[in-house]
Each structure stands twice: as structure tokens, then as C-alpha cells.
Amino acid sequence: MRDNYGEKEMHKITCAECGQESEVPFKPDGSRPVYCRECYSKKNKRY
């Protein structure tokens, strides 16, 4: 039986853009900046 099926482990980060603390569903390896949801969506808007 899988108790955590479908659940992702969340990792605390500090946004590289605004400095706000947030959580992401992956473990950052330090090779790239990590952004909070709001800053990520601003940076990745398609026009």
C-alpha cells in the first residue's frame, strides 16, 4: 500500500528574485536560481 502516492515532497527555498520564502516540489541543486510561484510566472510569460 502506498500512503504518499501522488504527494510530492516540498522543499523550502528563498526566491532569487524577491527574496520571499516559498516551497517547491523538487530539491534545488544550486546550479540555477529558484523562484517563487509569482516571480516564476512573471519571468515565463509568453507574449
N, C-alpha and C. Protein backbone atom coordinates (compact mmCIF):
# COMPACT_ATOMS: atom_id res chain seq x y z
N MET A 1 0.84 -1.19 0.00
CA MET A 1 0.00 0.00 0.00
C MET A 1 0.88 1.25 0.00
N ARG A 2 0.52 2.23 -0.82
CA ARG A 2 1.28 3.47 -0.91
C ARG A 2 0.54 4.59 -0.21
N ASP A 3 1.07 5.05 0.91
CA ASP A 3 0.42 6.13 1.65
C ASP A 3 0.64 7.49 1.00
N ASN A 4 1.82 7.69 0.38
CA ASN A 4 2.16 9.00 -0.17
C ASN A 4 2.01 9.05 -1.69
N TYR A 5 1.26 8.16 -2.26
CA TYR A 5 1.10 8.14 -3.70
C TYR A 5 0.50 9.45 -4.18
N GLY A 6 1.17 10.10 -5.13
CA GLY A 6 0.66 11.35 -5.67
C GLY A 6 1.11 12.57 -4.91
N GLU A 7 1.67 12.40 -3.73
CA GLU A 7 2.14 13.54 -2.95
C GLU A 7 3.61 13.78 -3.26
N LYS A 8 3.97 15.06 -3.41
CA LYS A 8 5.36 15.40 -3.69
C LYS A 8 5.98 16.00 -2.44
N GLU A 9 7.23 15.67 -2.22
CA GLU A 9 7.95 16.24 -1.11
C GLU A 9 8.29 17.69 -1.45
N MET A 10 7.97 18.61 -0.57
CA MET A 10 8.21 20.03 -0.82
C MET A 10 9.50 20.46 -0.14
N HIS A 11 10.23 21.35 -0.79
CA HIS A 11 11.50 21.85 -0.27
C HIS A 11 11.43 23.37 -0.15
N LYS A 12 11.87 23.88 1.00
CA LYS A 12 11.85 25.32 1.24
C LYS A 12 12.96 25.99 0.44
N ILE A 13 12.62 27.14 -0.16
CA ILE A 13 13.58 27.91 -0.93
C ILE A 13 13.43 29.39 -0.59
N THR A 14 14.41 30.18 -0.98
CA THR A 14 14.30 31.63 -0.94
C THR A 14 14.35 32.08 -2.38
N CYS A 15 13.34 32.81 -2.81
CA CYS A 15 13.23 33.24 -4.20
C CYS A 15 14.43 34.09 -4.60
N ALA A 16 15.03 33.77 -5.75
CA ALA A 16 16.19 34.50 -6.25
C ALA A 16 15.82 35.91 -6.72
N GLU A 17 14.54 36.16 -6.96
CA GLU A 17 14.09 37.46 -7.47
C GLU A 17 13.65 38.39 -6.34
N CYS A 18 12.71 37.94 -5.50
CA CYS A 18 12.13 38.83 -4.49
C CYS A 18 12.59 38.53 -3.06
N GLY A 19 13.23 37.39 -2.85
CA GLY A 19 13.72 37.04 -1.51
C GLY A 19 12.69 36.41 -0.60
N GLN A 20 11.48 36.22 -1.09
CA GLN A 20 10.42 35.62 -0.29
C GLN A 20 10.66 34.13 -0.11
N GLU A 21 10.33 33.61 1.06
CA GLU A 21 10.45 32.17 1.29
C GLU A 21 9.26 31.48 0.65
N SER A 22 9.51 30.32 0.06
CA SER A 22 8.47 29.57 -0.62
C SER A 22 8.84 28.09 -0.58
N GLU A 23 8.02 27.26 -1.22
CA GLU A 23 8.31 25.83 -1.31
C GLU A 23 8.15 25.39 -2.75
N VAL A 24 8.99 24.45 -3.15
CA VAL A 24 8.93 23.89 -4.50
C VAL A 24 8.91 22.37 -4.40
N PRO A 25 8.33 21.70 -5.42
CA PRO A 25 8.20 20.25 -5.38
C PRO A 25 9.43 19.50 -5.89
N PHE A 26 10.60 20.14 -5.83
CA PHE A 26 11.85 19.48 -6.24
C PHE A 26 12.96 20.00 -5.36
N LYS A 27 14.05 19.26 -5.30
CA LYS A 27 15.18 19.67 -4.48
C LYS A 27 16.16 20.46 -5.35
N PRO A 28 16.28 21.76 -5.11
CA PRO A 28 17.21 22.57 -5.90
C PRO A 28 18.64 22.11 -5.69
N ASP A 29 19.42 22.07 -6.78
CA ASP A 29 20.80 21.61 -6.67
C ASP A 29 21.80 22.76 -6.59
N GLY A 30 21.32 24.00 -6.64
CA GLY A 30 22.20 25.16 -6.51
C GLY A 30 22.83 25.61 -7.82
N SER A 31 22.60 24.89 -8.91
CA SER A 31 23.22 25.26 -10.17
C SER A 31 22.44 26.35 -10.92
N ARG A 32 21.17 26.54 -10.53
CA ARG A 32 20.34 27.57 -11.17
C ARG A 32 19.53 28.30 -10.12
N PRO A 33 19.13 29.55 -10.41
CA PRO A 33 18.28 30.28 -9.47
C PRO A 33 16.90 29.64 -9.37
N VAL A 34 16.28 29.76 -8.21
CA VAL A 34 14.95 29.21 -7.98
C VAL A 34 14.03 30.36 -7.59
N TYR A 35 12.81 30.37 -8.16
CA TYR A 35 11.88 31.47 -7.96
C TYR A 35 10.60 31.00 -7.28
N CYS A 36 9.94 31.92 -6.56
CA CYS A 36 8.62 31.63 -6.00
C CYS A 36 7.62 31.56 -7.17
N ARG A 37 6.45 31.10 -6.91
CA ARG A 37 5.46 30.92 -7.97
C ARG A 37 5.16 32.22 -8.70
N GLU A 38 5.02 33.31 -7.97
CA GLU A 38 4.68 34.60 -8.58
C GLU A 38 5.80 35.10 -9.50
N CYS A 39 7.03 35.08 -9.02
CA CYS A 39 8.16 35.54 -9.84
C CYS A 39 8.39 34.60 -11.02
N TYR A 40 8.21 33.31 -10.83
CA TYR A 40 8.38 32.36 -11.91
C TYR A 40 7.39 32.65 -13.03
N SER A 41 6.14 32.90 -12.66
CA SER A 41 5.13 33.16 -13.68
C SER A 41 5.40 34.49 -14.40
N LYS A 42 5.90 35.49 -13.69
CA LYS A 42 6.26 36.76 -14.33
C LYS A 42 7.39 36.58 -15.33
N LYS A 43 8.40 35.79 -14.96
CA LYS A 43 9.56 35.57 -15.82
C LYS A 43 9.22 34.73 -17.05
N ASN A 44 8.21 33.90 -16.95
CA ASN A 44 7.91 32.97 -18.03
C ASN A 44 6.63 33.29 -18.80
N LYS A 45 6.20 34.55 -18.76
CA LYS A 45 5.03 34.95 -19.54
C LYS A 45 5.38 34.93 -21.01
N ARG A 46 4.47 34.41 -21.78
CA ARG A 46 4.66 34.38 -23.24
C ARG A 46 3.76 35.48 -23.84
N TYR A 47 4.33 36.26 -24.74
CA TYR A 47 3.56 37.35 -25.36
C TYR A 47 3.14 36.98 -26.74
